[in-house]
């Protein structure tokens, strides 16, 4: 049976052999890059022992939002489907939300996995009091390279099959480079990996525990603008804000302005702590050098520190975590409990 913590429902975990929905509620890129997508499906079967189930828009580019919502409904309503994975992110999932039936989904909570544009659905599920899992796209974490990274596998396995509190540790290595999906090497080779310098801390003199809320910063910005799916600021009191930025490589100025506006509406100050993922600093259109990437990451961190100094100077903050657009990736339980021990410099999440 599902459990609660304390106002949020942790959906029942799947078991090996169960069916898992694979949806494209954002971009239908499985239609464009079927090889990397199908390798991701194989790994759902072979690494996790689950049976992937596709839907009418899973391999459809530019499917109307109402049809994508219909697939979301079908996946949650089917009692034989025990988890839901997203194929990839995108840029317009916010259009899907108005077509969703909250009571249907509230009555059928399931572990939901995705990140980036899928932050939209994480927000929708948070508002229903359902824990979801920020991370794990079929075409990225599952489908790329010669094998899934062990750090990613361990985190996904914990979120999928295990309950209770577990420690989140820094990945031993990382990359923000990619091999383009038009190349065969995208299925067989991993980009260059770099040593992880670890986390950096701000106000790490205490322990904070709260409910995780957030996701991709650019999508949070969508919701600040649309103002349809955000709760009243007091609903986030004492929660833990977690944020990551995308392959669009937003500037430090943009990051500052988004958080400034969160603070001006009295939202940022409600969070007891902030977790920030290592920003992706390389893209095919911006193949930054090692020095340029270091500067990009440093400038983005400083922008966040500046906002906190101005508006929320006592917030505990941790930078350079692995839940964003770099590889490997850890899963964050959106709506789940996160405990940040600033004295010991350790982080725990309840899955």
C-alpha atoms as a PDB file:
ATOM      1  CA  UNK A   1       0.000   0.000   0.000  1.00  0.00           C
ATOM      2  CA  UNK A   2       1.049   3.604  -0.509  1.00  0.00           C
ATOM      3  CA  UNK A   3       2.395   5.469   2.503  1.00  0.00           C
ATOM      4  CA  UNK A   4       2.323   9.122   3.536  1.00  0.00           C
ATOM      5  CA  UNK A   5       5.123  11.477   4.658  1.00  0.00           C
ATOM      6  CA  UNK A   6       3.454  13.391   6.326  1.00  0.00           C
ATOM      7  CA  UNK A   7       1.057  15.123   3.931  1.00  0.00           C
ATOM      8  CA  UNK A   8       2.532  13.516   0.809  1.00  0.00           C
ATOM      9  CA  UNK A   9       1.793  10.083  -0.593  1.00  0.00           C
ATOM     10  CA  UNK A  10       4.744   7.890  -1.535  1.00  0.00           C
ATOM     11  CA  UNK A  11       3.330   5.715  -4.327  1.00  0.00           C
ATOM     12  CA  UNK A  12       3.666   1.970  -4.044  1.00  0.00           C
ATOM     13  CA  UNK A  13       6.953   0.699  -5.490  1.00  0.00           C
ATOM     14  CA  UNK A  14       7.064  -1.533  -8.578  1.00  0.00           C
ATOM     15  CA  UNK A  15       8.655  -4.967  -8.532  1.00  0.00           C
ATOM     16  CA  UNK A  16      10.790  -6.614 -11.214  1.00  0.00           C
ATOM     17  CA  UNK A  17       8.461  -8.046 -13.827  1.00  0.00           C
ATOM     18  CA  UNK A  18       5.945  -5.198 -13.518  1.00  0.00           C
ATOM     19  CA  UNK A  19       4.847  -3.030 -16.432  1.00  0.00           C
ATOM     20  CA  UNK A  20       6.156   0.555 -16.655  1.00  0.00           C
ATOM     21  CA  UNK A  21       4.701   3.250 -18.889  1.00  0.00           C
ATOM     22  CA  UNK A  22       7.043   5.146 -21.200  1.00  0.00           C
ATOM     23  CA  UNK A  23       5.545   8.494 -22.192  1.00  0.00           C
ATOM     24  CA  UNK A  24       6.544  11.575 -24.185  1.00  0.00           C
ATOM     25  CA  UNK A  25       4.575  14.333 -22.447  1.00  0.00           C
ATOM     26  CA  UNK A  26       7.153  16.837 -23.750  1.00  0.00           C
ATOM     27  CA  UNK A  27       9.054  16.307 -27.032  1.00  0.00           C
ATOM     28  CA  UNK A  28       8.398  13.173 -29.093  1.00  0.00           C
ATOM     29  CA  UNK A  29      12.076  12.597 -29.858  1.00  0.00           C
ATOM     30  CA  UNK A  30      11.802   8.777 -29.901  1.00  0.00           C
ATOM     31  CA  UNK A  31      10.362   9.329 -33.399  1.00  0.00           C
ATOM     32  CA  UNK A  32      13.520  11.146 -34.498  1.00  0.00           C
ATOM     33  CA  UNK A  33      16.225   9.135 -32.702  1.00  0.00           C
ATOM     34  CA  UNK A  34      14.778   5.622 -32.348  1.00  0.00           C
ATOM     35  CA  UNK A  35      18.117   3.852 -31.776  1.00  0.00           C
ATOM     36  CA  UNK A  36      19.032   5.609 -28.520  1.00  0.00           C
ATOM     37  CA  UNK A  37      15.405   5.383 -27.382  1.00  0.00           C
ATOM     38  CA  UNK A  38      15.205   1.643 -28.040  1.00  0.00           C
ATOM     39  CA  UNK A  39      18.491   1.088 -26.219  1.00  0.00           C
ATOM     40  CA  UNK A  40      16.875   2.857 -23.275  1.00  0.00           C
ATOM     41  CA  UNK A  41      13.905   0.483 -23.451  1.00  0.00           C
ATOM     42  CA  UNK A  42      16.252  -2.510 -23.455  1.00  0.00           C
ATOM     43  CA  UNK A  43      17.913  -1.251 -20.295  1.00  0.00           C
ATOM     44  CA  UNK A  44      14.571  -0.792 -18.554  1.00  0.00           C
ATOM     45  CA  UNK A  45      14.078  -4.499 -19.240  1.00  0.00           C
ATOM     46  CA  UNK A  46      17.588  -5.806 -18.659  1.00  0.00           C
ATOM     47  CA  UNK A  47      18.919  -3.589 -15.856  1.00  0.00           C
ATOM     48  CA  UNK A  48      15.709  -3.083 -13.877  1.00  0.00           C
ATOM     49  CA  UNK A  49      13.589  -6.044 -14.917  1.00  0.00           C
ATOM     50  CA  UNK A  50      10.573  -3.906 -15.845  1.00  0.00           C
ATOM     51  CA  UNK A  51       8.391  -4.239 -18.948  1.00  0.00           C
ATOM     52  CA  UNK A  52       8.124  -0.937 -20.861  1.00  0.00           C
ATOM     53  CA  UNK A  53       4.702  -0.040 -22.274  1.00  0.00           C
ATOM     54  CA  UNK A  54       4.414   2.618 -24.987  1.00  0.00           C
ATOM     55  CA  UNK A  55       1.462   4.883 -25.771  1.00  0.00           C
ATOM     56  CA  UNK A  56       0.119   6.547 -28.936  1.00  0.00           C
ATOM     57  CA  UNK A  57       2.184   9.745 -28.574  1.00  0.00           C
ATOM     58  CA  UNK A  58       5.369   8.160 -27.198  1.00  0.00           C
ATOM     59  CA  UNK A  59       6.928   8.104 -30.680  1.00  0.00           C
ATOM     60  CA  UNK A  60       5.040  11.101 -32.102  1.00  0.00           C
ATOM     61  CA  UNK A  61       6.635  14.478 -32.705  1.00  0.00           C
ATOM     62  CA  UNK A  62       4.488  17.556 -32.080  1.00  0.00           C
ATOM     63  CA  UNK A  63       1.561  15.603 -30.655  1.00  0.00           C
ATOM     64  CA  UNK A  64      -1.225  17.939 -29.488  1.00  0.00           C
ATOM     65  CA  UNK A  65      -1.093  18.607 -25.747  1.00  0.00           C
ATOM     66  CA  UNK A  66      -4.546  17.093 -25.258  1.00  0.00           C
ATOM     67  CA  UNK A  67      -3.377  13.800 -26.787  1.00  0.00           C
ATOM     68  CA  UNK A  68      -0.266  13.747 -24.606  1.00  0.00           C
ATOM     69  CA  UNK A  69      -2.510  14.324 -21.582  1.00  0.00           C
ATOM     70  CA  UNK A  70      -4.672  11.402 -22.692  1.00  0.00           C
ATOM     71  CA  UNK A  71      -1.601   9.151 -22.544  1.00  0.00           C
ATOM     72  CA  UNK A  72      -0.742  10.429 -19.068  1.00  0.00           C
ATOM     73  CA  UNK A  73      -4.275   9.570 -17.949  1.00  0.00           C
ATOM     74  CA  UNK A  74      -4.085   6.114 -19.509  1.00  0.00           C
ATOM     75  CA  UNK A  75      -0.784   5.339 -17.802  1.00  0.00           C
ATOM     76  CA  UNK A  76      -1.946   6.422 -14.344  1.00  0.00           C
ATOM     77  CA  UNK A  77      -5.378   4.799 -14.648  1.00  0.00           C
ATOM     78  CA  UNK A  78      -4.076   1.374 -15.749  1.00  0.00           C
ATOM     79  CA  UNK A  79      -3.791  -0.805 -12.614  1.00  0.00           C
ATOM     80  CA  UNK A  80      -1.221  -3.052 -14.321  1.00  0.00           C
ATOM     81  CA  UNK A  81       1.215  -0.135 -14.837  1.00  0.00           C
ATOM     82  CA  UNK A  82       3.338   0.351 -11.721  1.00  0.00           C
ATOM     83  CA  UNK A  83       5.697   3.200 -12.733  1.00  0.00           C
ATOM     84  CA  UNK A  84       5.871   5.975 -15.329  1.00  0.00           C
ATOM     85  CA  UNK A  85       9.032   7.035 -17.198  1.00  0.00           C
ATOM     86  CA  UNK A  86       9.433   9.998 -19.553  1.00  0.00           C
ATOM     87  CA  UNK A  87      11.352   9.490 -22.778  1.00  0.00           C
ATOM     88  CA  UNK A  88      12.918  12.965 -22.765  1.00  0.00           C
ATOM     89  CA  UNK A  89      12.253  16.599 -21.859  1.00  0.00           C
ATOM     90  CA  UNK A  90      11.265  19.450 -24.140  1.00  0.00           C
ATOM     91  CA  UNK A  91       9.937  22.980 -23.845  1.00  0.00           C
ATOM     92  CA  UNK A  92       6.121  23.048 -23.830  1.00  0.00           C
ATOM     93  CA  UNK A  93       4.807  20.529 -21.299  1.00  0.00           C
ATOM     94  CA  UNK A  94       3.094  23.348 -19.436  1.00  0.00           C
ATOM     95  CA  UNK A  95       0.466  23.204 -22.221  1.00  0.00           C
ATOM     96  CA  UNK A  96      -0.427  19.651 -21.160  1.00  0.00           C
ATOM     97  CA  UNK A  97      -1.318  20.491 -17.560  1.00  0.00           C
ATOM     98  CA  UNK A  98      -4.667  22.163 -18.265  1.00  0.00           C
ATOM     99  CA  UNK A  99      -5.868  18.928 -19.904  1.00  0.00           C
ATOM    100  CA  UNK A 100      -5.083  16.720 -16.915  1.00  0.00           C
ATOM    101  CA  UNK A 101      -7.712  15.376 -14.529  1.00  0.00           C
ATOM    102  CA  UNK A 102      -6.281  15.879 -11.034  1.00  0.00           C
ATOM    103  CA  UNK A 103      -8.781  13.532  -9.394  1.00  0.00           C
ATOM    104  CA  UNK A 104      -7.919  10.663 -11.745  1.00  0.00           C
ATOM    105  CA  UNK A 105      -4.224  11.042 -10.967  1.00  0.00           C
ATOM    106  CA  UNK A 106      -4.770  11.612  -7.243  1.00  0.00           C
ATOM    107  CA  UNK A 107      -6.735   8.349  -7.102  1.00  0.00           C
ATOM    108  CA  UNK A 108      -3.973   6.407  -8.895  1.00  0.00           C
ATOM    109  CA  UNK A 109      -0.580   7.573  -7.555  1.00  0.00           C
ATOM    110  CA  UNK A 110       2.436   5.986  -9.246  1.00  0.00           C
ATOM    111  CA  UNK A 111       6.190   6.616  -9.206  1.00  0.00           C
ATOM    112  CA  UNK A 112       6.800   9.175 -11.951  1.00  0.00           C
ATOM    113  CA  UNK A 113      10.316   9.750 -13.361  1.00  0.00           C
ATOM    114  CA  UNK A 114      11.634  12.573 -15.524  1.00  0.00           C
ATOM    115  CA  UNK A 115      13.458  15.894 -15.323  1.00  0.00           C
ATOM    116  CA  UNK A 116      14.003  19.108 -17.291  1.00  0.00           C
ATOM    117  CA  UNK A 117      10.636  20.044 -18.899  1.00  0.00           C
ATOM    118  CA  UNK A 118       9.034  17.262 -16.861  1.00  0.00           C
ATOM    119  CA  UNK A 119       9.372  19.643 -13.923  1.00  0.00           C
ATOM    120  CA  UNK A 120       5.883  20.704 -15.033  1.00  0.00           C
ATOM    121  CA  UNK A 121       4.424  17.327 -14.105  1.00  0.00           C
ATOM    122  CA  UNK A 122       6.447  17.220 -10.893  1.00  0.00           C
ATOM    123  CA  UNK A 123       4.794  20.504  -9.899  1.00  0.00           C
ATOM    124  CA  UNK A 124       1.366  19.135 -10.809  1.00  0.00           C
ATOM    125  CA  UNK A 125       1.948  16.008  -8.704  1.00  0.00           C
ATOM    126  CA  UNK A 126       3.340  18.067  -5.799  1.00  0.00           C
ATOM    127  CA  UNK A 127       0.107  20.070  -5.749  1.00  0.00           C
ATOM    128  CA  UNK A 128      -1.792  16.766  -5.447  1.00  0.00           C
ATOM    129  CA  UNK A 129       0.403  15.649  -2.545  1.00  0.00           C
ATOM    130  CA  UNK A 130       2.095  12.867  -4.543  1.00  0.00           C
ATOM    131  CA  UNK A 131       5.841  12.213  -4.298  1.00  0.00           C
ATOM    132  CA  UNK A 132       7.513  11.940  -7.717  1.00  0.00           C
ATOM    133  CA  UNK A 133      11.114  11.390  -8.803  1.00  0.00           C
ATOM    134  CA  UNK A 134      13.152  14.081 -10.532  1.00  0.00           C
ATOM    135  CA  UNK A 135      15.572  12.224 -12.806  1.00  0.00           C
ATOM    136  CA  UNK A 136      15.928   9.378 -15.248  1.00  0.00           C
ATOM    137  CA  UNK A 137      15.027  10.103 -18.904  1.00  0.00           C
ATOM    138  CA  UNK A 138      14.840   7.011 -21.117  1.00  0.00           C
ATOM    139  CA  UNK A 139      16.833   8.628 -23.931  1.00  0.00           C
ATOM    140  CA  UNK A 140      19.562  10.048 -21.680  1.00  0.00           C
ATOM    141  CA  UNK A 141      20.318   8.195 -18.449  1.00  0.00           C
ATOM    142  CA  UNK A 142      19.006   4.869 -19.793  1.00  0.00           C
ATOM    143  CA  UNK A 143      19.775   5.042 -23.500  1.00  0.00           C
ATOM    144  CA  UNK A 144      23.158   6.709 -24.021  1.00  0.00           C
ATOM    145  CA  UNK A 145      26.593   5.096 -24.088  1.00  0.00           C
ATOM    146  CA  UNK A 146      27.901   1.543 -23.734  1.00  0.00           C
ATOM    147  CA  UNK A 147      26.214   1.067 -20.331  1.00  0.00           C
ATOM    148  CA  UNK A 148      24.326   3.044 -17.720  1.00  0.00           C
ATOM    149  CA  UNK A 149      26.609   4.713 -15.196  1.00  0.00           C
ATOM    150  CA  UNK A 150      26.682   2.739 -11.905  1.00  0.00           C
ATOM    151  CA  UNK A 151      25.967   5.885  -9.874  1.00  0.00           C
ATOM    152  CA  UNK A 152      22.803   6.510 -11.930  1.00  0.00           C
ATOM    153  CA  UNK A 153      21.733   2.866 -11.706  1.00  0.00           C
ATOM    154  CA  UNK A 154      22.110   2.845  -7.919  1.00  0.00           C
ATOM    155  CA  UNK A 155      20.074   6.037  -7.519  1.00  0.00           C
ATOM    156  CA  UNK A 156      17.308   4.901  -9.875  1.00  0.00           C
ATOM    157  CA  UNK A 157      17.165   1.488  -8.213  1.00  0.00           C
ATOM    158  CA  UNK A 158      16.812   3.133  -4.799  1.00  0.00           C
ATOM    159  CA  UNK A 159      13.973   5.369  -6.025  1.00  0.00           C
ATOM    160  CA  UNK A 160      12.224   2.567  -7.912  1.00  0.00           C
ATOM    161  CA  UNK A 161      12.406  -0.346  -5.516  1.00  0.00           C
ATOM    162  CA  UNK A 162      13.562   0.794  -2.073  1.00  0.00           C
ATOM    163  CA  UNK A 163      11.903   2.890   0.612  1.00  0.00           C
ATOM    164  CA  UNK A 164      13.182   4.785   3.601  1.00  0.00           C
ATOM    165  CA  UNK A 165      15.964   7.290   4.020  1.00  0.00           C
ATOM    166  CA  UNK A 166      19.221   6.966   2.072  1.00  0.00           C
ATOM    167  CA  UNK A 167      22.311   9.120   1.813  1.00  0.00           C
ATOM    168  CA  UNK A 168      23.001  11.087  -1.349  1.00  0.00           C
ATOM    169  CA  UNK A 169      26.737  11.195  -2.039  1.00  0.00           C
ATOM    170  CA  UNK A 170      28.680  13.114  -4.700  1.00  0.00           C
ATOM    171  CA  UNK A 171      29.350  11.178  -7.894  1.00  0.00           C
ATOM    172  CA  UNK A 172      33.034  10.250  -8.241  1.00  0.00           C
ATOM    173  CA  UNK A 173      33.174  11.695 -11.771  1.00  0.00           C
ATOM    174  CA  UNK A 174      31.009  13.648 -14.165  1.00  0.00           C
ATOM    175  CA  UNK A 175      30.686  14.957 -17.687  1.00  0.00           C
ATOM    176  CA  UNK A 176      28.586  17.626 -19.356  1.00  0.00           C
ATOM    177  CA  UNK A 177      29.723  16.668 -22.850  1.00  0.00           C
ATOM    178  CA  UNK A 178      27.598  14.519 -25.157  1.00  0.00           C
ATOM    179  CA  UNK A 179      27.854  12.519 -28.362  1.00  0.00           C
ATOM    180  CA  UNK A 180      25.188  13.535 -30.843  1.00  0.00           C
ATOM    181  CA  UNK A 181      22.403  11.003 -31.328  1.00  0.00           C
ATOM    182  CA  UNK A 182      22.976  11.087 -35.079  1.00  0.00           C
ATOM    183  CA  UNK A 183      26.286   9.271 -34.458  1.00  0.00           C
ATOM    184  CA  UNK A 184      26.483   5.524 -33.876  1.00  0.00           C
ATOM    185  CA  UNK A 185      29.027   6.237 -31.130  1.00  0.00           C
ATOM    186  CA  UNK A 186      26.212   7.685 -28.997  1.00  0.00           C
ATOM    187  CA  UNK A 187      25.221   4.060 -28.289  1.00  0.00           C
ATOM    188  CA  UNK A 188      28.697   2.663 -27.679  1.00  0.00           C
ATOM    189  CA  UNK A 189      30.999   5.351 -26.284  1.00  0.00           C
ATOM    190  CA  UNK A 190      30.941   7.594 -23.217  1.00  0.00           C
ATOM    191  CA  UNK A 191      32.226  11.194 -23.446  1.00  0.00           C
ATOM    192  CA  UNK A 192      35.292  12.256 -21.496  1.00  0.00           C
ATOM    193  CA  UNK A 193      34.722  12.159 -17.739  1.00  0.00           C
ATOM    194  CA  UNK A 194      36.120  14.632 -15.196  1.00  0.00           C
ATOM    195  CA  UNK A 195      36.937  14.308 -11.511  1.00  0.00           C
ATOM    196  CA  UNK A 196      34.165  15.676  -9.308  1.00  0.00           C
ATOM    197  CA  UNK A 197      35.507  18.468  -7.075  1.00  0.00           C
ATOM    198  CA  UNK A 198      32.657  17.892  -4.628  1.00  0.00           C
ATOM    199  CA  UNK A 199      30.034  20.123  -3.074  1.00  0.00           C
ATOM    200  CA  UNK A 200      30.372  23.660  -1.744  1.00  0.00           C
ATOM    201  CA  UNK A 201      28.369  24.861   1.274  1.00  0.00           C
ATOM    202  CA  UNK A 202      26.832  28.088   2.493  1.00  0.00           C
ATOM    203  CA  UNK A 203      25.686  28.496   6.115  1.00  0.00           C
ATOM    204  CA  UNK A 204      26.430  24.849   6.801  1.00  0.00           C
ATOM    205  CA  UNK A 205      26.231  25.218  10.556  1.00  0.00           C
ATOM    206  CA  UNK A 206      22.993  23.303  11.205  1.00  0.00           C
ATOM    207  CA  UNK A 207      20.689  20.534  10.039  1.00  0.00           C
ATOM    208  CA  UNK A 208      17.609  21.292   7.928  1.00  0.00           C
ATOM    209  CA  UNK A 209      14.869  18.820   7.061  1.00  0.00           C
ATOM    210  CA  UNK A 210      11.996  19.603   4.716  1.00  0.00           C
ATOM    211  CA  UNK A 211       9.896  18.659   1.724  1.00  0.00           C
ATOM    212  CA  UNK A 212      11.694  18.877  -1.634  1.00  0.00           C
ATOM    213  CA  UNK A 213      10.239  21.179  -4.299  1.00  0.00           C
ATOM    214  CA  UNK A 214      11.752  22.541  -7.487  1.00  0.00           C
ATOM    215  CA  UNK A 215      13.431  21.092 -10.559  1.00  0.00           C
ATOM    216  CA  UNK A 216      14.588  22.869 -13.671  1.00  0.00           C
ATOM    217  CA  UNK A 217      15.052  26.604 -13.117  1.00  0.00           C
ATOM    218  CA  UNK A 218      13.799  27.585 -16.561  1.00  0.00           C
ATOM    219  CA  UNK A 219      10.543  25.689 -15.965  1.00  0.00           C
ATOM    220  CA  UNK A 220      10.182  27.253 -12.516  1.00  0.00           C
ATOM    221  CA  UNK A 221      10.443  30.550 -14.398  1.00  0.00           C
ATOM    222  CA  UNK A 222       7.602  29.427 -16.722  1.00  0.00           C
ATOM    223  CA  UNK A 223       5.417  29.018 -13.658  1.00  0.00           C
ATOM    224  CA  UNK A 224       6.419  32.324 -12.131  1.00  0.00           C
ATOM    225  CA  UNK A 225       5.196  33.897 -15.366  1.00  0.00           C
ATOM    226  CA  UNK A 226       2.053  31.826 -15.947  1.00  0.00           C
ATOM    227  CA  UNK A 227       1.086  31.857 -12.236  1.00  0.00           C
ATOM    228  CA  UNK A 228      -1.490  29.076 -12.651  1.00  0.00           C
ATOM    229  CA  UNK A 229       0.094  26.124 -10.856  1.00  0.00           C
ATOM    230  CA  UNK A 230       2.090  27.681  -8.027  1.00  0.00           C
ATOM    231  CA  UNK A 231       0.629  27.364  -4.546  1.00  0.00           C
ATOM    232  CA  UNK A 232       0.478  30.281  -2.112  1.00  0.00           C
ATOM    233  CA  UNK A 233       3.974  31.085  -0.818  1.00  0.00           C
ATOM    234  CA  UNK A 234       3.187  29.839   2.694  1.00  0.00           C
ATOM    235  CA  UNK A 235       2.591  26.334   1.305  1.00  0.00           C
ATOM    236  CA  UNK A 236       6.365  26.035   0.810  1.00  0.00           C
ATOM    237  CA  UNK A 237       7.312  27.182   4.318  1.00  0.00           C
ATOM    238  CA  UNK A 238      10.270  25.165   5.604  1.00  0.00           C
ATOM    239  CA  UNK A 239      10.671  23.197   2.366  1.00  0.00           C
ATOM    240  CA  UNK A 240      13.917  22.487   0.516  1.00  0.00           C
ATOM    241  CA  UNK A 241      14.265  24.147  -2.884  1.00  0.00           C
ATOM    242  CA  UNK A 242      16.282  22.164  -5.438  1.00  0.00           C
ATOM    243  CA  UNK A 243      17.262  23.692  -8.784  1.00  0.00           C
ATOM    244  CA  UNK A 244      19.144  22.730 -11.942  1.00  0.00           C
ATOM    245  CA  UNK A 245      19.703  24.465 -15.278  1.00  0.00           C
ATOM    246  CA  UNK A 246      19.485  22.991 -18.754  1.00  0.00           C
ATOM    247  CA  UNK A 247      21.477  22.577 -21.948  1.00  0.00           C
ATOM    248  CA  UNK A 248      20.305  26.067 -22.927  1.00  0.00           C
ATOM    249  CA  UNK A 249      23.115  27.265 -20.622  1.00  0.00           C
ATOM    250  CA  UNK A 250      21.255  30.224 -19.112  1.00  0.00           C
ATOM    251  CA  UNK A 251      23.436  33.141 -18.127  1.00  0.00           C
ATOM    252  CA  UNK A 252      24.246  34.048 -14.541  1.00  0.00           C
ATOM    253  CA  UNK A 253      22.228  37.229 -15.060  1.00  0.00           C
ATOM    254  CA  UNK A 254      19.163  35.208 -16.046  1.00  0.00           C
ATOM    255  CA  UNK A 255      19.566  32.906 -13.028  1.00  0.00           C
ATOM    256  CA  UNK A 256      19.878  35.896 -10.725  1.00  0.00           C
ATOM    257  CA  UNK A 257      16.755  37.531 -12.164  1.00  0.00           C
ATOM    258  CA  UNK A 258      14.583  34.427 -11.826  1.00  0.00           C
ATOM    259  CA  UNK A 259      15.542  34.011  -8.181  1.00  0.00           C
ATOM    260  CA  UNK A 260      15.207  37.759  -7.592  1.00  0.00           C
ATOM    261  CA  UNK A 261      11.610  37.582  -8.805  1.00  0.00           C
ATOM    262  CA  UNK A 262      10.954  34.518  -6.637  1.00  0.00           C
ATOM    263  CA  UNK A 263      12.165  36.580  -3.697  1.00  0.00           C
ATOM    264  CA  UNK A 264      10.194  39.687  -4.658  1.00  0.00           C
ATOM    265  CA  UNK A 265       6.972  37.662  -4.559  1.00  0.00           C
ATOM    266  CA  UNK A 266       7.938  36.334  -1.123  1.00  0.00           C
ATOM    267  CA  UNK A 267       8.506  32.782  -2.330  1.00  0.00           C
ATOM    268  CA  UNK A 268      12.269  32.228  -2.112  1.00  0.00           C
ATOM    269  CA  UNK A 269      12.370  33.179   1.559  1.00  0.00           C
ATOM    270  CA  UNK A 270       9.940  30.392   2.463  1.00  0.00           C
ATOM    271  CA  UNK A 271      12.528  27.691   1.764  1.00  0.00           C
ATOM    272  CA  UNK A 272      14.750  26.607   4.622  1.00  0.00           C
ATOM    273  CA  UNK A 273      17.498  25.374   2.313  1.00  0.00           C
ATOM    274  CA  UNK A 274      18.538  25.364  -1.340  1.00  0.00           C
ATOM    275  CA  UNK A 275      20.203  22.522  -3.253  1.00  0.00           C
ATOM    276  CA  UNK A 276      21.784  23.455  -6.576  1.00  0.00           C
ATOM    277  CA  UNK A 277      22.912  20.987  -9.233  1.00  0.00           C
ATOM    278  CA  UNK A 278      26.175  21.336 -11.117  1.00  0.00           C
ATOM    279  CA  UNK A 279      25.201  23.397 -14.162  1.00  0.00           C
ATOM    280  CA  UNK A 280      25.783  21.942 -17.579  1.00  0.00           C
ATOM    281  CA  UNK A 281      28.348  24.253 -19.165  1.00  0.00           C
ATOM    282  CA  UNK A 282      28.900  22.619 -22.561  1.00  0.00           C
ATOM    283  CA  UNK A 283      26.566  22.132 -25.516  1.00  0.00           C
ATOM    284  CA  UNK A 284      26.936  21.293 -29.197  1.00  0.00           C
ATOM    285  CA  UNK A 285      26.244  24.933 -30.038  1.00  0.00           C
ATOM    286  CA  UNK A 286      28.533  26.179 -27.249  1.00  0.00           C
ATOM    287  CA  UNK A 287      31.454  23.732 -26.913  1.00  0.00           C
ATOM    288  CA  UNK A 288      33.133  25.687 -24.127  1.00  0.00           C
ATOM    289  CA  UNK A 289      36.716  25.033 -23.131  1.00  0.00           C
ATOM    290  CA  UNK A 290      37.581  23.691 -19.671  1.00  0.00           C
ATOM    291  CA  UNK A 291      38.382  27.214 -18.500  1.00  0.00           C
ATOM    292  CA  UNK A 292      35.176  28.652 -19.960  1.00  0.00           C
ATOM    293  CA  UNK A 293      33.133  25.935 -18.274  1.00  0.00           C
ATOM    294  CA  UNK A 294      34.748  26.578 -14.904  1.00  0.00           C
ATOM    295  CA  UNK A 295      33.984  30.282 -15.255  1.00  0.00           C
ATOM    296  CA  UNK A 296      30.373  29.581 -16.303  1.00  0.00           C
ATOM    297  CA  UNK A 297      29.779  27.382 -13.259  1.00  0.00           C
ATOM    298  CA  UNK A 298      31.459  29.837 -10.912  1.00  0.00           C
ATOM    299  CA  UNK A 299      29.417  32.762 -12.222  1.00  0.00           C
ATOM    300  CA  UNK A 300      26.151  30.872 -11.879  1.00  0.00           C
ATOM    301  CA  UNK A 301      26.954  29.865  -8.291  1.00  0.00           C
ATOM    302  CA  UNK A 302      27.909  33.424  -7.417  1.00  0.00           C
ATOM    303  CA  UNK A 303      24.608  34.710  -8.890  1.00  0.00           C
ATOM    304  CA  UNK A 304      22.686  32.404  -6.549  1.00  0.00           C
ATOM    305  CA  UNK A 305      24.835  33.359  -3.577  1.00  0.00           C
ATOM    306  CA  UNK A 306      24.217  37.036  -4.365  1.00  0.00           C
ATOM    307  CA  UNK A 307      20.436  36.582  -4.362  1.00  0.00           C
ATOM    308  CA  UNK A 308      20.620  34.706  -1.082  1.00  0.00           C
ATOM    309  CA  UNK A 309      22.800  37.415   0.474  1.00  0.00           C
ATOM    310  CA  UNK A 310      20.228  40.028  -0.509  1.00  0.00           C
ATOM    311  CA  UNK A 311      17.005  38.233   0.316  1.00  0.00           C
ATOM    312  CA  UNK A 312      17.634  35.123   2.425  1.00  0.00           C
ATOM    313  CA  UNK A 313      21.038  35.452   4.123  1.00  0.00           C
ATOM    314  CA  UNK A 314      20.527  32.653   6.650  1.00  0.00           C
ATOM    315  CA  UNK A 315      19.490  29.982   4.143  1.00  0.00           C
ATOM    316  CA  UNK A 316      21.558  26.806   4.109  1.00  0.00           C
ATOM    317  CA  UNK A 317      22.700  26.132   0.531  1.00  0.00           C
ATOM    318  CA  UNK A 318      24.689  23.373  -1.162  1.00  0.00           C
ATOM    319  CA  UNK A 319      26.105  23.641  -4.675  1.00  0.00           C
ATOM    320  CA  UNK A 320      27.428  21.212  -7.308  1.00  0.00           C
ATOM    321  CA  UNK A 321      25.081  18.259  -6.740  1.00  0.00           C
ATOM    322  CA  UNK A 322      24.479  15.645  -9.449  1.00  0.00           C
ATOM    323  CA  UNK A 323      20.717  15.820 -10.117  1.00  0.00           C
ATOM    324  CA  UNK A 324      20.767  18.025 -13.201  1.00  0.00           C
ATOM    325  CA  UNK A 325      21.770  17.888 -16.857  1.00  0.00           C
ATOM    326  CA  UNK A 326      25.256  16.478 -16.218  1.00  0.00           C
ATOM    327  CA  UNK A 327      26.036  12.761 -16.147  1.00  0.00           C
ATOM    328  CA  UNK A 328      25.805  10.646 -13.987  1.00  0.00           C
ATOM    329  CA  UNK A 329      22.649  11.653 -12.180  1.00  0.00           C
ATOM    330  CA  UNK A 330      21.045  11.148  -8.788  1.00  0.00           C
ATOM    331  CA  UNK A 331      17.278  11.144  -8.314  1.00  0.00           C
ATOM    332  CA  UNK A 332      15.572  13.671  -6.030  1.00  0.00           C
ATOM    333  CA  UNK A 333      12.190  12.708  -4.473  1.00  0.00           C
ATOM    334  CA  UNK A 334      10.018  15.701  -5.345  1.00  0.00           C
ATOM    335  CA  UNK A 335       7.587  16.101  -2.446  1.00  0.00           C
ATOM    336  CA  UNK A 336       9.724  13.697  -0.427  1.00  0.00           C
ATOM    337  CA  UNK A 337      11.710  14.438   2.693  1.00  0.00           C
ATOM    338  CA  UNK A 338      15.269  15.732   2.412  1.00  0.00           C
ATOM    339  CA  UNK A 339      17.618  16.092   5.388  1.00  0.00           C
ATOM    340  CA  UNK A 340      20.702  18.285   5.050  1.00  0.00           C
ATOM    341  CA  UNK A 341      23.310  17.947   7.788  1.00  0.00           C
ATOM    342  CA  UNK A 342      25.477  21.013   7.386  1.00  0.00           C
ATOM    343  CA  UNK A 343      27.746  20.156  10.279  1.00  0.00           C
ATOM    344  CA  UNK A 344      28.717  16.754   8.897  1.00  0.00           C
ATOM    345  CA  UNK A 345      28.225  17.948   5.282  1.00  0.00           C
ATOM    346  CA  UNK A 346      25.956  15.039   4.387  1.00  0.00           C
ATOM    347  CA  UNK A 347      22.589  14.904   2.612  1.00  0.00           C
ATOM    348  CA  UNK A 348      19.841  12.294   2.948  1.00  0.00           C
ATOM    349  CA  UNK A 349      16.564  11.776   1.100  1.00  0.00           C
ATOM    350  CA  UNK A 350      13.552   9.597   1.836  1.00  0.00           C
ATOM    351  CA  UNK A 351      12.517   7.544  -1.178  1.00  0.00           C
END
